[in-house]
Amino acid sequence: MRMEKEELTNQIKVQRAILNITQEDLAGEIGVTRKTINTIENGKYIPSTILAIKLARFFKVPVEELFTLK
């Protein structure tokens, strides 16, 4: 069975722009570092389920709207 590489994309940068907040602001609200937000936005780090839910709740969007599996 062949496994395709799946990629998780996100809309965090877009959502931040809508609210006009910085990575630093978001990090403070969620309780993580700015670097964590940066690495998630750039697809270098896949957040835990808890962190993904916290982000979705902060932006008031469903997790599936914030994160997409390609």
N, C-alpha and C. Protein backbone atom coordinates (compact mmCIF):
# COMPACT_ATOMS: atom_id res chain seq x y z
N MET A 1 0.84 -1.18 0.00
CA MET A 1 0.00 0.00 0.00
C MET A 1 0.89 1.25 0.00
N ARG A 2 0.63 2.15 -0.92
CA ARG A 2 1.43 3.36 -1.06
C ARG A 2 0.83 4.49 -0.22
N MET A 3 1.68 5.11 0.57
CA MET A 3 1.23 6.23 1.41
C MET A 3 1.60 7.54 0.73
N GLU A 4 0.61 8.37 0.49
CA GLU A 4 0.88 9.69 -0.06
C GLU A 4 1.23 10.62 1.08
N LYS A 5 2.15 11.54 0.79
CA LYS A 5 2.50 12.53 1.80
C LYS A 5 1.39 13.57 1.87
N GLU A 6 0.86 13.74 3.06
CA GLU A 6 -0.20 14.72 3.25
C GLU A 6 0.39 15.98 3.84
N GLU A 7 -0.20 17.10 3.48
CA GLU A 7 0.29 18.38 3.96
C GLU A 7 -0.84 19.12 4.66
N LEU A 8 -0.52 19.66 5.82
CA LEU A 8 -1.49 20.45 6.56
C LEU A 8 -1.25 21.93 6.26
N THR A 9 -2.25 22.58 5.69
CA THR A 9 -2.14 24.00 5.43
C THR A 9 -3.03 24.74 6.43
N ASN A 10 -2.79 26.04 6.57
CA ASN A 10 -3.60 26.78 7.53
C ASN A 10 -3.87 28.20 7.07
N GLN A 11 -4.84 28.80 7.72
CA GLN A 11 -5.27 30.17 7.40
C GLN A 11 -4.96 31.13 8.55
N ILE A 12 -3.98 30.80 9.36
CA ILE A 12 -3.69 31.63 10.53
C ILE A 12 -3.26 33.03 10.12
N LYS A 13 -2.38 33.13 9.14
CA LYS A 13 -1.91 34.45 8.70
C LYS A 13 -3.08 35.30 8.19
N VAL A 14 -3.97 34.67 7.45
CA VAL A 14 -5.16 35.37 6.92
C VAL A 14 -6.04 35.84 8.08
N GLN A 15 -6.28 34.96 9.03
CA GLN A 15 -7.12 35.31 10.18
C GLN A 15 -6.48 36.42 11.02
N ARG A 16 -5.16 36.37 11.16
CA ARG A 16 -4.46 37.43 11.89
C ARG A 16 -4.63 38.77 11.18
N ALA A 17 -4.54 38.75 9.85
CA ALA A 17 -4.69 39.97 9.06
C ALA A 17 -6.09 40.56 9.23
N ILE A 18 -7.10 39.69 9.25
CA ILE A 18 -8.48 40.15 9.43
C ILE A 18 -8.62 40.90 10.76
N LEU A 19 -7.98 40.37 11.80
CA LEU A 19 -8.07 40.99 13.13
C LEU A 19 -6.98 42.04 13.35
N ASN A 20 -6.07 42.15 12.38
CA ASN A 20 -4.95 43.10 12.47
C ASN A 20 -4.13 42.88 13.74
N ILE A 21 -3.73 41.62 13.97
CA ILE A 21 -2.89 41.31 15.12
C ILE A 21 -1.59 40.68 14.66
N THR A 22 -0.56 40.84 15.46
CA THR A 22 0.76 40.29 15.14
C THR A 22 0.88 38.85 15.63
N GLN A 23 1.93 38.18 15.19
CA GLN A 23 2.20 36.84 15.70
C GLN A 23 2.41 36.91 17.21
N GLU A 24 3.09 37.96 17.67
CA GLU A 24 3.36 38.14 19.10
C GLU A 24 2.05 38.29 19.88
N ASP A 25 1.12 39.09 19.35
CA ASP A 25 -0.19 39.26 20.00
C ASP A 25 -0.92 37.93 20.11
N LEU A 26 -0.96 37.19 19.00
CA LEU A 26 -1.65 35.90 18.98
C LEU A 26 -1.00 34.93 19.95
N ALA A 27 0.32 34.89 19.93
CA ALA A 27 1.05 33.99 20.83
C ALA A 27 0.69 34.27 22.29
N GLY A 28 0.63 35.54 22.65
CA GLY A 28 0.28 35.91 24.02
C GLY A 28 -1.13 35.48 24.40
N GLU A 29 -2.05 35.62 23.46
CA GLU A 29 -3.45 35.24 23.71
C GLU A 29 -3.61 33.72 23.88
N ILE A 30 -2.81 32.96 23.12
CA ILE A 30 -2.95 31.50 23.12
C ILE A 30 -2.06 30.84 24.18
N GLY A 31 -0.99 31.55 24.59
CA GLY A 31 -0.09 30.99 25.60
C GLY A 31 1.07 30.20 25.02
N VAL A 32 1.53 30.62 23.83
CA VAL A 32 2.70 30.00 23.20
C VAL A 32 3.69 31.12 22.81
N THR A 33 4.80 30.74 22.22
CA THR A 33 5.77 31.75 21.79
C THR A 33 5.45 32.23 20.37
N ARG A 34 6.00 33.38 20.02
CA ARG A 34 5.83 33.91 18.67
C ARG A 34 6.42 32.93 17.67
N LYS A 35 7.54 32.31 18.03
CA LYS A 35 8.18 31.34 17.13
C LYS A 35 7.26 30.16 16.85
N THR A 36 6.49 29.72 17.82
CA THR A 36 5.54 28.63 17.62
C THR A 36 4.50 29.03 16.58
N ILE A 37 3.96 30.24 16.72
CA ILE A 37 2.97 30.73 15.75
C ILE A 37 3.61 30.79 14.36
N ASN A 38 4.83 31.30 14.29
CA ASN A 38 5.54 31.42 13.02
C ASN A 38 5.74 30.07 12.36
N THR A 39 6.19 29.08 13.12
CA THR A 39 6.45 27.76 12.53
C THR A 39 5.16 27.05 12.11
N ILE A 40 4.06 27.30 12.84
CA ILE A 40 2.77 26.73 12.42
C ILE A 40 2.33 27.38 11.12
N GLU A 41 2.38 28.72 11.07
CA GLU A 41 1.98 29.45 9.86
C GLU A 41 2.74 28.98 8.63
N ASN A 42 4.03 28.71 8.80
CA ASN A 42 4.88 28.32 7.68
C ASN A 42 4.88 26.82 7.39
N GLY A 43 4.04 26.08 8.11
CA GLY A 43 3.92 24.64 7.85
C GLY A 43 5.08 23.80 8.32
N LYS A 44 5.94 24.36 9.17
CA LYS A 44 7.09 23.62 9.67
C LYS A 44 6.75 22.83 10.94
N TYR A 45 5.66 23.20 11.57
CA TYR A 45 5.24 22.56 12.82
C TYR A 45 3.75 22.29 12.75
N ILE A 46 3.37 21.07 13.08
CA ILE A 46 1.95 20.71 13.13
C ILE A 46 1.50 20.81 14.59
N PRO A 47 0.53 21.67 14.85
CA PRO A 47 0.11 21.88 16.25
C PRO A 47 -0.61 20.66 16.81
N SER A 48 -0.56 20.57 18.13
CA SER A 48 -1.32 19.53 18.81
C SER A 48 -2.81 19.81 18.61
N THR A 49 -3.62 18.83 18.89
CA THR A 49 -5.07 19.00 18.78
C THR A 49 -5.53 20.12 19.72
N ILE A 50 -4.99 20.15 20.92
CA ILE A 50 -5.37 21.18 21.89
C ILE A 50 -5.03 22.57 21.37
N LEU A 51 -3.83 22.73 20.82
CA LEU A 51 -3.42 24.03 20.29
C LEU A 51 -4.26 24.43 19.08
N ALA A 52 -4.57 23.48 18.21
CA ALA A 52 -5.40 23.76 17.04
C ALA A 52 -6.79 24.23 17.47
N ILE A 53 -7.34 23.60 18.50
CA ILE A 53 -8.66 24.00 19.00
C ILE A 53 -8.60 25.38 19.64
N LYS A 54 -7.54 25.66 20.41
CA LYS A 54 -7.37 26.99 21.01
C LYS A 54 -7.32 28.07 19.93
N LEU A 55 -6.58 27.81 18.87
CA LEU A 55 -6.47 28.78 17.77
C LEU A 55 -7.82 28.99 17.09
N ALA A 56 -8.52 27.90 16.82
CA ALA A 56 -9.83 28.00 16.18
C ALA A 56 -10.82 28.76 17.06
N ARG A 57 -10.80 28.49 18.35
CA ARG A 57 -11.69 29.21 19.27
C ARG A 57 -11.35 30.70 19.30
N PHE A 58 -10.05 31.01 19.32
CA PHE A 58 -9.64 32.41 19.34
C PHE A 58 -10.18 33.16 18.13
N PHE A 59 -10.05 32.53 16.95
CA PHE A 59 -10.51 33.17 15.72
C PHE A 59 -12.01 32.99 15.47
N LYS A 60 -12.66 32.19 16.34
CA LYS A 60 -14.10 31.93 16.22
C LYS A 60 -14.46 31.30 14.86
N VAL A 61 -13.66 30.32 14.47
CA VAL A 61 -13.91 29.56 13.24
C VAL A 61 -13.77 28.07 13.55
N PRO A 62 -14.39 27.21 12.76
CA PRO A 62 -14.19 25.77 12.95
C PRO A 62 -12.73 25.39 12.67
N VAL A 63 -12.24 24.37 13.36
CA VAL A 63 -10.87 23.89 13.14
C VAL A 63 -10.65 23.58 11.66
N GLU A 64 -11.68 22.99 11.02
CA GLU A 64 -11.56 22.60 9.61
C GLU A 64 -11.44 23.81 8.69
N GLU A 65 -11.87 24.97 9.15
CA GLU A 65 -11.71 26.18 8.36
C GLU A 65 -10.31 26.77 8.52
N LEU A 66 -9.75 26.58 9.70
CA LEU A 66 -8.42 27.11 10.00
C LEU A 66 -7.32 26.20 9.45
N PHE A 67 -7.55 24.89 9.51
CA PHE A 67 -6.56 23.91 9.04
C PHE A 67 -7.18 23.02 7.97
N THR A 68 -6.42 22.76 6.90
CA THR A 68 -6.89 21.91 5.81
C THR A 68 -5.83 20.86 5.51
N LEU A 69 -6.26 19.63 5.34
CA LEU A 69 -5.36 18.55 4.98
C LEU A 69 -5.38 18.38 3.47
N LYS A 70 -4.22 18.55 2.86
CA LYS A 70 -4.13 18.41 1.41
C LYS A 70 -3.53 17.09 1.03
